[in-house]
Amino acid sequence: MAALITLALALPVPASAANAALPAKAAQLAEILGAVHHLRDVCGTNEGQLWRNKMIEMIGVLGPSEADRQKLVKNFNDSYYRYKNSYPACTATAARQSDKLMQDGQKIAEELAASGYGR
């Protein structure tokens, strides 16, 4: 998913897309990134700040208004803490949830890219 998000979101956004309201998919992806940031860390992947940095990268590429930026950050943080409280340690369920979220995130990143975000 990291490579896909980088590929899908690292390219410049057209001015018309940058000024448009963010799609709901961007908020969903922010939530997934927050959850994955915790789950992958607690399960020992040693990725450090990778998923937080992907969130920062996504915000930079999407160029949201300040209100939308704050919403994306809130979605990321709320999801991070929700999963931190639900999965304080790595379990088989936590690992499966992480895998599922990675798949969901890849799909959403592809949909955002196909809709003109990240191009």
C-alpha atoms as a PDB file:
ATOM      1  CA  MET A   1       0.000   0.000   0.000  1.00  0.00           C
ATOM      2  CA  ALA A   2       2.863   2.395   0.712  1.00  0.00           C
ATOM      3  CA  ALA A   3       4.093   2.214  -2.857  1.00  0.00           C
ATOM      4  CA  LEU A   4       0.590   2.638  -4.206  1.00  0.00           C
ATOM      5  CA  ILE A   5      -0.171   5.674  -2.060  1.00  0.00           C
ATOM      6  CA  THR A   6       3.146   7.180  -3.043  1.00  0.00           C
ATOM      7  CA  LEU A   7       2.459   6.526  -6.716  1.00  0.00           C
ATOM      8  CA  ALA A   8      -1.187   7.578  -6.596  1.00  0.00           C
ATOM      9  CA  LEU A   9      -0.687  10.704  -4.524  1.00  0.00           C
ATOM     10  CA  ALA A  10       2.844  11.910  -5.234  1.00  0.00           C
ATOM     11  CA  LEU A  11       1.993  13.475  -8.566  1.00  0.00           C
ATOM     12  CA  PRO A  12       0.721  17.062  -8.791  1.00  0.00           C
ATOM     13  CA  VAL A  13      -2.996  17.659  -8.398  1.00  0.00           C
ATOM     14  CA  PRO A  14      -4.679  19.734 -11.114  1.00  0.00           C
ATOM     15  CA  ALA A  15      -5.735  23.174  -9.874  1.00  0.00           C
ATOM     16  CA  SER A  16      -9.395  22.290 -10.352  1.00  0.00           C
ATOM     17  CA  ALA A  17      -9.045  19.213  -8.116  1.00  0.00           C
ATOM     18  CA  ALA A  18      -7.069  21.087  -5.466  1.00  0.00           C
ATOM     19  CA  ASN A  19      -9.811  23.695  -5.121  1.00  0.00           C
ATOM     20  CA  ALA A  20     -12.679  21.208  -5.095  1.00  0.00           C
ATOM     21  CA  ALA A  21     -14.148  19.713  -1.962  1.00  0.00           C
ATOM     22  CA  LEU A  22     -12.311  16.595  -0.919  1.00  0.00           C
ATOM     23  CA  PRO A  23     -14.072  13.341  -1.651  1.00  0.00           C
ATOM     24  CA  ALA A  24     -15.261  11.204   1.269  1.00  0.00           C
ATOM     25  CA  LYS A  25     -12.684   8.639   0.163  1.00  0.00           C
ATOM     26  CA  ALA A  26      -9.915  10.975   1.348  1.00  0.00           C
ATOM     27  CA  ALA A  27     -11.391  10.970   4.857  1.00  0.00           C
ATOM     28  CA  GLN A  28     -11.659   7.166   4.740  1.00  0.00           C
ATOM     29  CA  LEU A  29      -8.047   6.867   3.656  1.00  0.00           C
ATOM     30  CA  ALA A  30      -6.966   9.170   6.499  1.00  0.00           C
ATOM     31  CA  GLU A  31      -8.750   6.855   8.951  1.00  0.00           C
ATOM     32  CA  ILE A  32      -7.095   3.799   7.447  1.00  0.00           C
ATOM     33  CA  LEU A  33      -3.670   5.422   7.618  1.00  0.00           C
ATOM     34  CA  GLY A  34      -4.215   6.220  11.308  1.00  0.00           C
ATOM     35  CA  ALA A  35      -5.289   2.668  12.103  1.00  0.00           C
ATOM     36  CA  VAL A  36      -2.456   1.129  10.090  1.00  0.00           C
ATOM     37  CA  HIS A  37       0.054   3.465  11.758  1.00  0.00           C
ATOM     38  CA  HIS A  38      -0.829   1.916  15.108  1.00  0.00           C
ATOM     39  CA  LEU A  39      -1.449  -1.682  14.072  1.00  0.00           C
ATOM     40  CA  ARG A  40       1.728  -2.087  12.046  1.00  0.00           C
ATOM     41  CA  ASP A  41       3.751  -0.537  14.869  1.00  0.00           C
ATOM     42  CA  VAL A  42       2.232  -2.689  17.604  1.00  0.00           C
ATOM     43  CA  CYS A  43       2.768  -5.783  15.461  1.00  0.00           C
ATOM     44  CA  GLY A  44       6.476  -5.013  15.144  1.00  0.00           C
ATOM     45  CA  THR A  45       6.943  -4.036  11.505  1.00  0.00           C
ATOM     46  CA  ASN A  46       9.536  -1.433  12.515  1.00  0.00           C
ATOM     47  CA  GLU A  47       8.262   1.078   9.952  1.00  0.00           C
ATOM     48  CA  GLY A  48       8.599   4.025  12.305  1.00  0.00           C
ATOM     49  CA  GLN A  49       6.691   7.062  11.099  1.00  0.00           C
ATOM     50  CA  LEU A  50       6.011   5.673   7.602  1.00  0.00           C
ATOM     51  CA  TRP A  51       2.201   5.825   7.826  1.00  0.00           C
ATOM     52  CA  ARG A  52       2.168   9.209   9.546  1.00  0.00           C
ATOM     53  CA  ASN A  53       4.462  10.482   6.815  1.00  0.00           C
ATOM     54  CA  LYS A  54       2.129   9.035   4.155  1.00  0.00           C
ATOM     55  CA  MET A  55      -0.674  11.019   5.770  1.00  0.00           C
ATOM     56  CA  ILE A  56       1.405  14.193   5.622  1.00  0.00           C
ATOM     57  CA  GLU A  57       2.255  13.414   2.000  1.00  0.00           C
ATOM     58  CA  MET A  58      -1.422  12.867   1.148  1.00  0.00           C
ATOM     59  CA  ILE A  59      -2.378  16.204   2.688  1.00  0.00           C
ATOM     60  CA  GLY A  60       0.389  17.935   0.772  1.00  0.00           C
ATOM     61  CA  VAL A  61      -0.730  16.462  -2.518  1.00  0.00           C
ATOM     62  CA  LEU A  62      -4.457  17.021  -2.018  1.00  0.00           C
ATOM     63  CA  GLY A  63      -3.927  20.631  -0.941  1.00  0.00           C
ATOM     64  CA  PRO A  64      -7.095  20.787   1.165  1.00  0.00           C
ATOM     65  CA  SER A  65      -8.581  23.901   2.675  1.00  0.00           C
ATOM     66  CA  GLU A  66      -7.620  24.447   6.309  1.00  0.00           C
ATOM     67  CA  ALA A  67     -10.979  23.065   7.455  1.00  0.00           C
ATOM     68  CA  ASP A  68     -10.560  19.950   5.295  1.00  0.00           C
ATOM     69  CA  ARG A  69      -6.959  19.534   6.470  1.00  0.00           C
ATOM     70  CA  GLN A  70      -8.108  19.637  10.079  1.00  0.00           C
ATOM     71  CA  LYS A  71     -10.815  17.066   9.320  1.00  0.00           C
ATOM     72  CA  LEU A  72      -8.293  14.717   7.700  1.00  0.00           C
ATOM     73  CA  VAL A  73      -5.909  15.067  10.649  1.00  0.00           C
ATOM     74  CA  LYS A  74      -8.769  14.450  13.090  1.00  0.00           C
ATOM     75  CA  ASN A  75      -9.814  11.339  11.163  1.00  0.00           C
ATOM     76  CA  PHE A  76      -6.239  10.019  11.259  1.00  0.00           C
ATOM     77  CA  ASN A  77      -5.784  10.750  14.969  1.00  0.00           C
ATOM     78  CA  ASP A  78      -9.201   9.469  16.036  1.00  0.00           C
ATOM     79  CA  SER A  79      -8.639   6.217  14.169  1.00  0.00           C
ATOM     80  CA  TYR A  80      -5.127   5.852  15.558  1.00  0.00           C
ATOM     81  CA  TYR A  81      -6.328   6.181  19.154  1.00  0.00           C
ATOM     82  CA  ARG A  82      -9.416   4.034  18.589  1.00  0.00           C
ATOM     83  CA  TYR A  83      -7.212   1.191  17.335  1.00  0.00           C
ATOM     84  CA  LYS A  84      -4.605   1.824  20.036  1.00  0.00           C
ATOM     85  CA  ASN A  85      -7.307   1.381  22.667  1.00  0.00           C
ATOM     86  CA  SER A  86      -8.781  -1.679  20.934  1.00  0.00           C
ATOM     87  CA  TYR A  87      -5.447  -3.371  20.206  1.00  0.00           C
ATOM     88  CA  PRO A  88      -2.844  -2.409  22.832  1.00  0.00           C
ATOM     89  CA  ALA A  89      -0.807  -5.468  21.813  1.00  0.00           C
ATOM     90  CA  CYS A  90      -0.413  -7.440  18.623  1.00  0.00           C
ATOM     91  CA  THR A  91      -2.851 -10.301  18.351  1.00  0.00           C
ATOM     92  CA  ALA A  92      -3.896 -12.481  15.448  1.00  0.00           C
ATOM     93  CA  THR A  93      -7.006 -10.325  15.148  1.00  0.00           C
ATOM     94  CA  ALA A  94      -4.923  -7.135  15.075  1.00  0.00           C
ATOM     95  CA  ALA A  95      -2.697  -8.568  12.347  1.00  0.00           C
ATOM     96  CA  ARG A  96      -5.724  -9.630  10.268  1.00  0.00           C
ATOM     97  CA  GLN A  97      -7.303  -6.203  10.755  1.00  0.00           C
ATOM     98  CA  SER A  98      -4.080  -4.559   9.596  1.00  0.00           C
ATOM     99  CA  ASP A  99      -4.010  -6.712   6.457  1.00  0.00           C
ATOM    100  CA  LYS A 100      -7.650  -5.908   5.689  1.00  0.00           C
ATOM    101  CA  LEU A 101      -7.089  -2.191   6.179  1.00  0.00           C
ATOM    102  CA  MET A 102      -4.053  -2.307   3.901  1.00  0.00           C
ATOM    103  CA  GLN A 103      -6.204  -3.872   1.168  1.00  0.00           C
ATOM    104  CA  ASP A 104      -8.996  -1.339   1.722  1.00  0.00           C
ATOM    105  CA  GLY A 105      -6.481   1.507   1.668  1.00  0.00           C
ATOM    106  CA  GLN A 106      -4.980   0.318  -1.589  1.00  0.00           C
ATOM    107  CA  LYS A 107      -8.433   0.205  -3.184  1.00  0.00           C
ATOM    108  CA  ILE A 108      -9.304   3.702  -1.954  1.00  0.00           C
ATOM    109  CA  ALA A 109      -5.953   5.104  -3.126  1.00  0.00           C
ATOM    110  CA  GLU A 110      -6.608   3.631  -6.565  1.00  0.00           C
ATOM    111  CA  GLU A 111     -10.108   5.153  -6.619  1.00  0.00           C
ATOM    112  CA  LEU A 112      -8.756   8.572  -5.616  1.00  0.00           C
ATOM    113  CA  ALA A 113      -6.096   8.399  -8.296  1.00  0.00           C
ATOM    114  CA  ALA A 114      -8.661   7.321 -10.908  1.00  0.00           C
ATOM    115  CA  SER A 115     -10.917  10.241  -9.970  1.00  0.00           C
ATOM    116  CA  GLY A 116      -8.127  12.742 -10.646  1.00  0.00           C
ATOM    117  CA  TYR A 117      -6.645  13.112  -7.174  1.00  0.00           C
ATOM    118  CA  GLY A 118      -2.927  12.560  -7.259  1.00  0.00           C
ATOM    119  CA  ARG A 119      -2.583  13.134 -10.981  1.00  0.00           C
END
